[in-house]
Amino acid sequence: SYSTYFIVSRFISQTVNGKHAKIY
């Protein structure tokens, strides 16, 4: 679970043209 939270958190912090990566 903690590994998943880390990966997902680092994913949504990524930005393209100032917009955050999105999760569902």
PDB file of all heavy atoms in Angstrom:
ATOM      1  N   SER A   1       0.827  -1.216   0.000  1.00  0.00           N
ATOM      2  CA  SER A   1       0.000   0.000   0.000  1.00  0.00           C
ATOM      3  C   SER A   1       0.860   1.264   0.000  1.00  0.00           C
ATOM      4  O   SER A   1       0.631   2.183  -0.790  1.00  0.00           O
ATOM      5  CB  SER A   1      -0.937  -0.001   1.212  1.00  0.00           C
ATOM      6  OG  SER A   1      -1.854  -1.081   1.134  1.00  0.00           O
ATOM      7  N   TYR A   2       1.860   1.317   0.889  1.00  0.00           N
ATOM      8  CA  TYR A   2       2.713   2.509   0.966  1.00  0.00           C
ATOM      9  C   TYR A   2       3.482   2.724  -0.335  1.00  0.00           C
ATOM     10  O   TYR A   2       3.684   3.870  -0.768  1.00  0.00           O
ATOM     11  CB  TYR A   2       3.682   2.400   2.136  1.00  0.00           C
ATOM     12  CG  TYR A   2       3.060   2.648   3.499  1.00  0.00           C
ATOM     13  CD1 TYR A   2       1.682   2.817   3.623  1.00  0.00           C
ATOM     14  CD2 TYR A   2       3.838   2.722   4.644  1.00  0.00           C
ATOM     15  CE1 TYR A   2       1.097   3.043   4.863  1.00  0.00           C
ATOM     16  CE2 TYR A   2       3.274   2.955   5.888  1.00  0.00           C
ATOM     17  CZ  TYR A   2       1.902   3.100   5.992  1.00  0.00           C
ATOM     18  OH  TYR A   2       1.326   3.337   7.225  1.00  0.00           O
ATOM     19  N   SER A   3       3.922   1.632  -0.945  1.00  0.00           N
ATOM     20  CA  SER A   3       4.617   1.746  -2.231  1.00  0.00           C
ATOM     21  C   SER A   3       3.688   2.302  -3.298  1.00  0.00           C
ATOM     22  O   SER A   3       4.081   3.140  -4.114  1.00  0.00           O
ATOM     23  CB  SER A   3       5.163   0.377  -2.661  1.00  0.00           C
ATOM     24  OG  SER A   3       6.098  -0.117  -1.725  1.00  0.00           O
ATOM     25  N   THR A   4       2.440   1.839  -3.278  1.00  0.00           N
ATOM     26  CA  THR A   4       1.440   2.343  -4.223  1.00  0.00           C
ATOM     27  C   THR A   4       1.191   3.830  -3.996  1.00  0.00           C
ATOM     28  O   THR A   4       1.145   4.612  -4.952  1.00  0.00           O
ATOM     29  CB  THR A   4       0.128   1.565  -4.083  1.00  0.00           C
ATOM     30  OG1 THR A   4       0.355   0.168  -4.294  1.00  0.00           O
ATOM     31  CG2 THR A   4      -0.903   2.055  -5.105  1.00  0.00           C
ATOM     32  N   TYR A   5       1.045   4.237  -2.726  1.00  0.00           N
ATOM     33  CA  TYR A   5       0.803   5.653  -2.426  1.00  0.00           C
ATOM     34  C   TYR A   5       1.965   6.519  -2.907  1.00  0.00           C
ATOM     35  O   TYR A   5       1.740   7.617  -3.430  1.00  0.00           O
ATOM     36  CB  TYR A   5       0.605   5.862  -0.920  1.00  0.00           C
ATOM     37  CG  TYR A   5      -0.524   5.056  -0.318  1.00  0.00           C
ATOM     38  CD1 TYR A   5      -0.507   4.718   1.032  1.00  0.00           C
ATOM     39  CD2 TYR A   5      -1.583   4.625  -1.089  1.00  0.00           C
ATOM     40  CE1 TYR A   5      -1.520   3.976   1.593  1.00  0.00           C
ATOM     41  CE2 TYR A   5      -2.614   3.867  -0.533  1.00  0.00           C
ATOM     42  CZ  TYR A   5      -2.566   3.545   0.798  1.00  0.00           C
ATOM     43  OH  TYR A   5      -3.583   2.798   1.356  1.00  0.00           O
ATOM     44  N   PHE A   6       3.194   6.032  -2.724  1.00  0.00           N
ATOM     45  CA  PHE A   6       4.354   6.799  -3.174  1.00  0.00           C
ATOM     46  C   PHE A   6       4.334   6.988  -4.684  1.00  0.00           C
ATOM     47  O   PHE A   6       4.499   8.104  -5.189  1.00  0.00           O
ATOM     48  CB  PHE A   6       5.648   6.103  -2.756  1.00  0.00           C
ATOM     49  CG  PHE A   6       6.882   6.718  -3.370  1.00  0.00           C
ATOM     50  CD1 PHE A   6       7.427   7.886  -2.858  1.00  0.00           C
ATOM     51  CD2 PHE A   6       7.483   6.148  -4.491  1.00  0.00           C
ATOM     52  CE1 PHE A   6       8.546   8.475  -3.437  1.00  0.00           C
ATOM     53  CE2 PHE A   6       8.603   6.725  -5.067  1.00  0.00           C
ATOM     54  CZ  PHE A   6       9.135   7.887  -4.535  1.00  0.00           C
ATOM     55  N   ILE A   7       4.122   5.891  -5.418  1.00  0.00           N
ATOM     56  CA  ILE A   7       4.132   5.950  -6.883  1.00  0.00           C
ATOM     57  C   ILE A   7       3.024   6.863  -7.394  1.00  0.00           C
ATOM     58  O   ILE A   7       3.241   7.711  -8.268  1.00  0.00           O
ATOM     59  CB  ILE A   7       4.011   4.538  -7.482  1.00  0.00           C
ATOM     60  CG1 ILE A   7       5.272   3.721  -7.157  1.00  0.00           C
ATOM     61  CG2 ILE A   7       3.803   4.604  -8.997  1.00  0.00           C
ATOM     62  CD1 ILE A   7       5.160   2.242  -7.502  1.00  0.00           C
ATOM     63  N   VAL A   8       1.816   6.703  -6.841  1.00  0.00           N
ATOM     64  CA  VAL A   8       0.682   7.511  -7.286  1.00  0.00           C
ATOM     65  C   VAL A   8       0.908   8.986  -6.954  1.00  0.00           C
ATOM     66  O   VAL A   8       0.619   9.874  -7.767  1.00  0.00           O
ATOM     67  CB  VAL A   8      -0.637   7.001  -6.665  1.00  0.00           C
ATOM     68  CG1 VAL A   8      -1.791   7.941  -7.024  1.00  0.00           C
ATOM     69  CG2 VAL A   8      -0.948   5.584  -7.160  1.00  0.00           C
ATOM     70  N   SER A   9       1.444   9.261  -5.763  1.00  0.00           N
ATOM     71  CA  SER A   9       1.707  10.649  -5.366  1.00  0.00           C
ATOM     72  C   SER A   9       2.741  11.298  -6.276  1.00  0.00           C
ATOM     73  O   SER A   9       2.607  12.462  -6.662  1.00  0.00           O
ATOM     74  CB  SER A   9       2.188  10.704  -3.912  1.00  0.00           C
ATOM     75  OG  SER A   9       1.209  10.187  -3.033  1.00  0.00           O
ATOM     76  N   ARG A  10       3.803  10.534  -6.618  1.00  0.00           N
ATOM     77  CA  ARG A  10       4.805  11.076  -7.529  1.00  0.00           C
ATOM     78  C   ARG A  10       4.240  11.233  -8.936  1.00  0.00           C
ATOM     79  O   ARG A  10       4.648  12.128  -9.681  1.00  0.00           O
ATOM     80  CB  ARG A  10       6.044  10.163  -7.571  1.00  0.00           C
ATOM     81  CG  ARG A  10       6.845  10.189  -6.294  1.00  0.00           C
ATOM     82  CD  ARG A  10       7.507  11.540  -6.037  1.00  0.00           C
ATOM     83  NE  ARG A  10       8.547  11.828  -6.994  1.00  0.00           N
ATOM     84  CZ  ARG A  10       8.545  12.851  -7.839  1.00  0.00           C
ATOM     85  NH1 ARG A  10       7.557  13.714  -7.824  1.00  0.00           N
ATOM     86  NH2 ARG A  10       9.544  13.031  -8.676  1.00  0.00           N
ATOM     87  N   PHE A  11       3.263  10.403  -9.277  1.00  0.00           N
ATOM     88  CA  PHE A  11       2.644  10.532 -10.596  1.00  0.00           C
ATOM     89  C   PHE A  11       1.828  11.812 -10.693  1.00  0.00           C
ATOM     90  O   PHE A  11       1.970  12.575 -11.646  1.00  0.00           O
ATOM     91  CB  PHE A  11       1.759   9.313 -10.890  1.00  0.00           C
ATOM     92  CG  PHE A  11       1.023   9.421 -12.203  1.00  0.00           C
ATOM     93  CD1 PHE A  11       1.653   9.090 -13.395  1.00  0.00           C
ATOM     94  CD2 PHE A  11      -0.293   9.863 -12.253  1.00  0.00           C
ATOM     95  CE1 PHE A  11       0.991   9.201 -14.617  1.00  0.00           C
ATOM     96  CE2 PHE A  11      -0.971   9.974 -13.462  1.00  0.00           C
ATOM     97  CZ  PHE A  11      -0.323   9.639 -14.635  1.00  0.00           C
ATOM     98  N   ILE A  12       0.965  12.063  -9.705  1.00  0.00           N
ATOM     99  CA  ILE A  12       0.085  13.228  -9.803  1.00  0.00           C
ATOM    100  C   ILE A  12       0.832  14.546  -9.607  1.00  0.00           C
ATOM    101  O   ILE A  12       0.303  15.604  -9.933  1.00  0.00           O
ATOM    102  CB  ILE A  12      -1.113  13.150  -8.828  1.00  0.00           C
ATOM    103  CG1 ILE A  12      -0.638  13.148  -7.372  1.00  0.00           C
ATOM    104  CG2 ILE A  12      -1.960  11.932  -9.131  1.00  0.00           C
ATOM    105  CD1 ILE A  12      -1.802  13.161  -6.381  1.00  0.00           C
ATOM    106  N   SER A  13       2.067  14.478  -9.089  1.00  0.00           N
ATOM    107  CA  SER A  13       2.858  15.708  -8.973  1.00  0.00           C
ATOM    108  C   SER A  13       3.479  16.110 -10.312  1.00  0.00           C
ATOM    109  O   SER A  13       3.944  17.246 -10.456  1.00  0.00           O
ATOM    110  CB  SER A  13       3.966  15.546  -7.930  1.00  0.00           C
ATOM    111  OG  SER A  13       4.970  14.644  -8.370  1.00  0.00           O
ATOM    112  N   GLN A  14       3.487  15.189 -11.294  1.00  0.00           N
ATOM    113  CA  GLN A  14       4.041  15.506 -12.608  1.00  0.00           C
ATOM    114  C   GLN A  14       3.141  16.505 -13.330  1.00  0.00           C
ATOM    115  O   GLN A  14       1.905  16.411 -13.261  1.00  0.00           O
ATOM    116  CB  GLN A  14       4.186  14.237 -13.460  1.00  0.00           C
ATOM    117  CG  GLN A  14       5.007  13.124 -12.821  1.00  0.00           C
ATOM    118  CD  GLN A  14       6.416  13.565 -12.530  1.00  0.00           C
ATOM    119  OE1 GLN A  14       7.097  14.161 -13.369  1.00  0.00           O
ATOM    120  NE2 GLN A  14       6.890  13.261 -11.321  1.00  0.00           N
ATOM    121  N   THR A  15       3.757  17.455 -14.005  1.00  0.00           N
ATOM    122  CA  THR A  15       2.992  18.490 -14.694  1.00  0.00           C
ATOM    123  C   THR A  15       3.396  18.596 -16.165  1.00  0.00           C
ATOM    124  O   THR A  15       4.552  18.382 -16.522  1.00  0.00           O
ATOM    125  CB  THR A  15       3.183  19.859 -14.025  1.00  0.00           C
ATOM    126  OG1 THR A  15       4.585  20.197 -14.021  1.00  0.00           O
ATOM    127  CG2 THR A  15       2.639  19.862 -12.616  1.00  0.00           C
ATOM    128  N   VAL A  16       2.431  18.917 -16.986  1.00  0.00           N
ATOM    129  CA  VAL A  16       2.636  19.215 -18.407  1.00  0.00           C
ATOM    130  C   VAL A  16       1.934  20.535 -18.691  1.00  0.00           C
ATOM    131  O   VAL A  16       0.722  20.654 -18.469  1.00  0.00           O
ATOM    132  CB  VAL A  16       2.072  18.095 -19.312  1.00  0.00           C
ATOM    133  CG1 VAL A  16       2.157  18.499 -20.775  1.00  0.00           C
ATOM    134  CG2 VAL A  16       2.812  16.799 -19.077  1.00  0.00           C
ATOM    135  N   ASN A  17       2.698  21.514 -19.123  1.00  0.00           N
ATOM    136  CA  ASN A  17       2.163  22.865 -19.356  1.00  0.00           C
ATOM    137  C   ASN A  17       1.436  23.405 -18.126  1.00  0.00           C
ATOM    138  O   ASN A  17       0.383  24.054 -18.221  1.00  0.00           O
ATOM    139  CB  ASN A  17       1.220  22.868 -20.563  1.00  0.00           C
ATOM    140  CG  ASN A  17       1.934  22.537 -21.860  1.00  0.00           C
ATOM    141  OD1 ASN A  17       3.133  22.757 -22.002  1.00  0.00           O
ATOM    142  ND2 ASN A  17       1.191  21.986 -22.822  1.00  0.00           N
ATOM    143  N   GLY A  18       2.004  23.110 -16.957  1.00  0.00           N
ATOM    144  CA  GLY A  18       1.443  23.616 -15.711  1.00  0.00           C
ATOM    145  C   GLY A  18       0.254  22.851 -15.174  1.00  0.00           C
ATOM    146  O   GLY A  18      -0.263  23.183 -14.106  1.00  0.00           O
ATOM    147  N   LYS A  19      -0.211  21.826 -15.874  1.00  0.00           N
ATOM    148  CA  LYS A  19      -1.345  21.013 -15.439  1.00  0.00           C
ATOM    149  C   LYS A  19      -0.867  19.690 -14.851  1.00  0.00           C
ATOM    150  O   LYS A  19      -0.002  19.023 -15.422  1.00  0.00           O
ATOM    151  CB  LYS A  19      -2.310  20.749 -16.604  1.00  0.00           C
ATOM    152  CG  LYS A  19      -3.074  21.987 -17.069  1.00  0.00           C
ATOM    153  CD  LYS A  19      -4.065  21.610 -18.143  1.00  0.00           C
ATOM    154  CE  LYS A  19      -4.899  22.822 -18.581  1.00  0.00           C
ATOM    155  NZ  LYS A  19      -5.803  23.282 -17.511  1.00  0.00           N
ATOM    156  N   HIS A  20      -1.441  19.310 -13.717  1.00  0.00           N
ATOM    157  CA  HIS A  20      -1.065  18.085 -13.041  1.00  0.00           C
ATOM    158  C   HIS A  20      -1.544  16.841 -13.797  1.00  0.00           C
ATOM    159  O   HIS A  20      -2.604  16.852 -14.429  1.00  0.00           O
ATOM    160  CB  HIS A  20      -1.669  18.046 -11.631  1.00  0.00           C
ATOM    161  CG  HIS A  20      -0.911  18.878 -10.634  1.00  0.00           C
ATOM    162  ND1 HIS A  20       0.082  18.376  -9.850  1.00  0.00           N
ATOM    163  CD2 HIS A  20      -1.006  20.179 -10.318  1.00  0.00           C
ATOM    164  CE1 HIS A  20       0.559  19.346  -9.069  1.00  0.00           C
ATOM    165  NE2 HIS A  20      -0.085  20.442  -9.336  1.00  0.00           N
ATOM    166  N   ALA A  21      -0.737  15.799 -13.685  1.00  0.00           N
ATOM    167  CA  ALA A  21      -1.201  14.483 -14.136  1.00  0.00           C
ATOM    168  C   ALA A  21      -2.446  14.108 -13.333  1.00  0.00           C
ATOM    169  O   ALA A  21      -2.558  14.436 -12.155  1.00  0.00           O
ATOM    170  CB  ALA A  21      -0.096  13.445 -13.948  1.00  0.00           C
ATOM    171  N   LYS A  22      -3.369  13.399 -13.966  1.00  0.00           N
ATOM    172  CA  LYS A  22      -4.647  13.100 -13.332  1.00  0.00           C
ATOM    173  C   LYS A  22      -4.803  11.607 -13.069  1.00  0.00           C
ATOM    174  O   LYS A  22      -4.323  10.769 -13.829  1.00  0.00           O
ATOM    175  CB  LYS A  22      -5.807  13.590 -14.203  1.00  0.00           C
ATOM    176  CG  LYS A  22      -5.882  15.104 -14.341  1.00  0.00           C
ATOM    177  CD  LYS A  22      -7.093  15.515 -15.141  1.00  0.00           C
ATOM    178  CE  LYS A  22      -7.173  17.045 -15.266  1.00  0.00           C
ATOM    179  NZ  LYS A  22      -8.384  17.460 -16.009  1.00  0.00           N
ATOM    180  N   ILE A  23      -5.488  11.301 -11.984  1.00  0.00           N
ATOM    181  CA  ILE A  23      -5.790   9.916 -11.654  1.00  0.00           C
ATOM    182  C   ILE A  23      -7.290   9.709 -11.558  1.00  0.00           C
ATOM    183  O   ILE A  23      -8.054  10.631 -11.261  1.00  0.00           O
ATOM    184  CB  ILE A  23      -5.131   9.462 -10.330  1.00  0.00           C
ATOM    185  CG1 ILE A  23      -5.605  10.344  -9.163  1.00  0.00           C
ATOM    186  CG2 ILE A  23      -3.612   9.465 -10.451  1.00  0.00           C
ATOM    187  CD1 ILE A  23      -5.206   9.784  -7.798  1.00  0.00           C
ATOM    188  N   TYR A  24      -7.699   8.479 -11.828  1.00  0.00           N
ATOM    189  CA  TYR A  24      -9.059   8.010 -11.605  1.00  0.00           C
ATOM    190  C   TYR A  24      -8.936   6.739 -10.768  1.00  0.00           C
ATOM    191  O   TYR A  24      -8.117   5.864 -11.076  1.00  0.00           O
ATOM    192  CB  TYR A  24      -9.783   7.738 -12.917  1.00  0.00           C
ATOM    193  CG  TYR A  24     -10.082   8.994 -13.709  1.00  0.00           C
ATOM    194  CD1 TYR A  24      -9.124   9.559 -14.541  1.00  0.00           C
ATOM    195  CD2 TYR A  24     -11.317   9.618 -13.610  1.00  0.00           C
ATOM    196  CE1 TYR A  24      -9.374  10.723 -15.249  1.00  0.00           C
ATOM    197  CE2 TYR A  24     -11.599  10.787 -14.323  1.00  0.00           C
ATOM    198  CZ  TYR A  24     -10.620  11.326 -15.136  1.00  0.00           C
ATOM    199  OH  TYR A  24     -10.894  12.490 -15.838  1.00  0.00           O
TER     200      TYR A  24
END
